Amino acid sequence: MADYTVHHQVMPTWALVAAIVGLFCLPVFNLLFLLIRVDRVSGYVEVVVSHHQFSHRTTIPVTNPMVVQTVYNQMYYVEMLANQA
């Protein structure tokens, strides 16, 4: 299993709009909206399952960090079941 996710910070659109609109209403406080940042996660997790000569590879898109943790938990659970068999 390989994790190909990217974490980056972006300014939300609503903060930019609020800064522009606030320029006409409250010129001093509108610059505070430009300091707002939101964490974004993008990418995918690649899962590979192989047995002897057969192999299957799939990619799972990631939109938040919980998806990555869920995929890891599911893979560990499946490995545990496979080891018990």
Protein backbone atom coordinates (compact mmCIF):
# COMPACT_ATOMS: atom_id res chain seq x y z
CA MET A 1 0.00 0.00 0.00
CA ALA A 2 1.34 3.43 -0.96
CA ASP A 3 0.14 6.83 0.16
CA TYR A 4 0.24 9.49 -2.58
CA THR A 5 -1.55 12.31 -0.78
CA VAL A 6 -0.62 15.98 -0.73
CA HIS A 7 -1.48 18.38 2.09
CA HIS A 8 -1.62 22.08 1.26
CA GLN A 9 -3.16 25.27 2.62
CA VAL A 10 -5.37 27.50 0.49
CA MET A 11 -7.36 30.66 1.01
CA PRO A 12 -11.09 29.93 0.80
CA THR A 13 -13.10 31.80 -1.81
CA TRP A 14 -15.46 33.25 0.77
CA ALA A 15 -12.51 34.89 2.57
CA LEU A 16 -11.35 36.61 -0.61
CA VAL A 17 -14.88 37.82 -1.38
CA ALA A 18 -15.28 39.07 2.20
CA ALA A 19 -11.98 40.97 1.96
CA ILE A 20 -13.04 42.67 -1.28
CA VAL A 21 -16.53 43.55 0.00
CA GLY A 22 -15.08 44.65 3.33
CA LEU A 23 -12.80 47.08 1.51
CA PHE A 24 -15.78 49.39 1.08
CA CYS A 25 -17.38 48.82 4.53
CA LEU A 26 -14.57 48.35 7.07
CA PRO A 27 -11.23 48.99 5.39
CA VAL A 28 -9.17 48.21 8.52
CA PHE A 29 -10.61 44.79 9.36
CA ASN A 30 -10.98 43.40 5.85
CA LEU A 31 -7.29 42.45 5.69
CA LEU A 32 -7.85 39.92 8.47
CA PHE A 33 -9.87 37.82 6.03
CA LEU A 34 -6.75 37.41 3.90
CA LEU A 35 -5.03 35.59 6.78
CA ILE A 36 -7.58 32.74 6.81
CA ARG A 37 -6.21 29.42 5.52
CA VAL A 38 -7.88 26.03 5.11
CA ASP A 39 -6.05 22.70 4.95
CA ARG A 40 -6.82 20.65 1.85
CA VAL A 41 -5.86 17.05 1.12
CA SER A 42 -5.76 15.62 -2.38
CA GLY A 43 -4.30 12.58 -4.05
CA TYR A 44 -4.87 8.87 -3.73
CA VAL A 45 -3.93 5.72 -1.85
CA GLU A 46 -2.75 2.80 -3.95
CA VAL A 47 -3.58 -0.71 -2.75
CA VAL A 48 -1.91 -3.78 -4.25
CA VAL A 49 -3.05 -7.33 -3.54
CA SER A 50 -1.06 -10.25 -4.93
CA HIS A 51 -1.10 -14.01 -4.58
CA HIS A 52 1.40 -16.16 -6.45
CA GLN A 53 1.12 -15.11 -10.10
CA PHE A 54 -2.00 -12.96 -9.78
CA SER A 55 -1.96 -9.33 -8.79
CA HIS A 56 -4.56 -6.57 -8.51
CA ARG A 57 -3.84 -2.87 -8.09
CA THR A 58 -6.39 -0.15 -7.34
CA THR A 59 -6.31 3.51 -6.41
CA ILE A 60 -8.65 5.10 -3.89
CA PRO A 61 -9.15 8.87 -4.16
CA VAL A 62 -8.52 10.87 -1.00
CA THR A 63 -10.42 14.03 -0.07
CA ASN A 64 -9.68 14.17 3.68
CA PRO A 65 -7.20 12.57 6.11
CA MET A 66 -9.82 10.21 7.53
CA VAL A 67 -10.04 8.35 4.21
CA VAL A 68 -6.35 7.45 4.44
CA GLN A 69 -6.74 6.16 7.99
CA THR A 70 -9.86 4.17 7.03
CA VAL A 71 -8.05 2.47 4.13
CA TYR A 72 -5.11 1.57 6.38
CA ASN A 73 -7.46 0.13 9.01
CA GLN A 74 -9.31 -1.93 6.41
CA MET A 75 -6.06 -3.28 4.97
CA TYR A 76 -4.77 -4.30 8.40
CA TYR A 77 -8.08 -6.04 9.12
CA VAL A 78 -7.97 -7.97 5.83
CA GLU A 79 -4.35 -8.97 6.47
CA MET A 80 -5.32 -10.23 9.91
CA LEU A 81 -8.15 -12.33 8.42
CA ALA A 82 -5.85 -13.70 5.74
CA ASN A 83 -3.22 -14.71 8.32
CA GLN A 84 -5.85 -16.58 10.36
CA ALA A 85 -6.96 -18.65 7.37
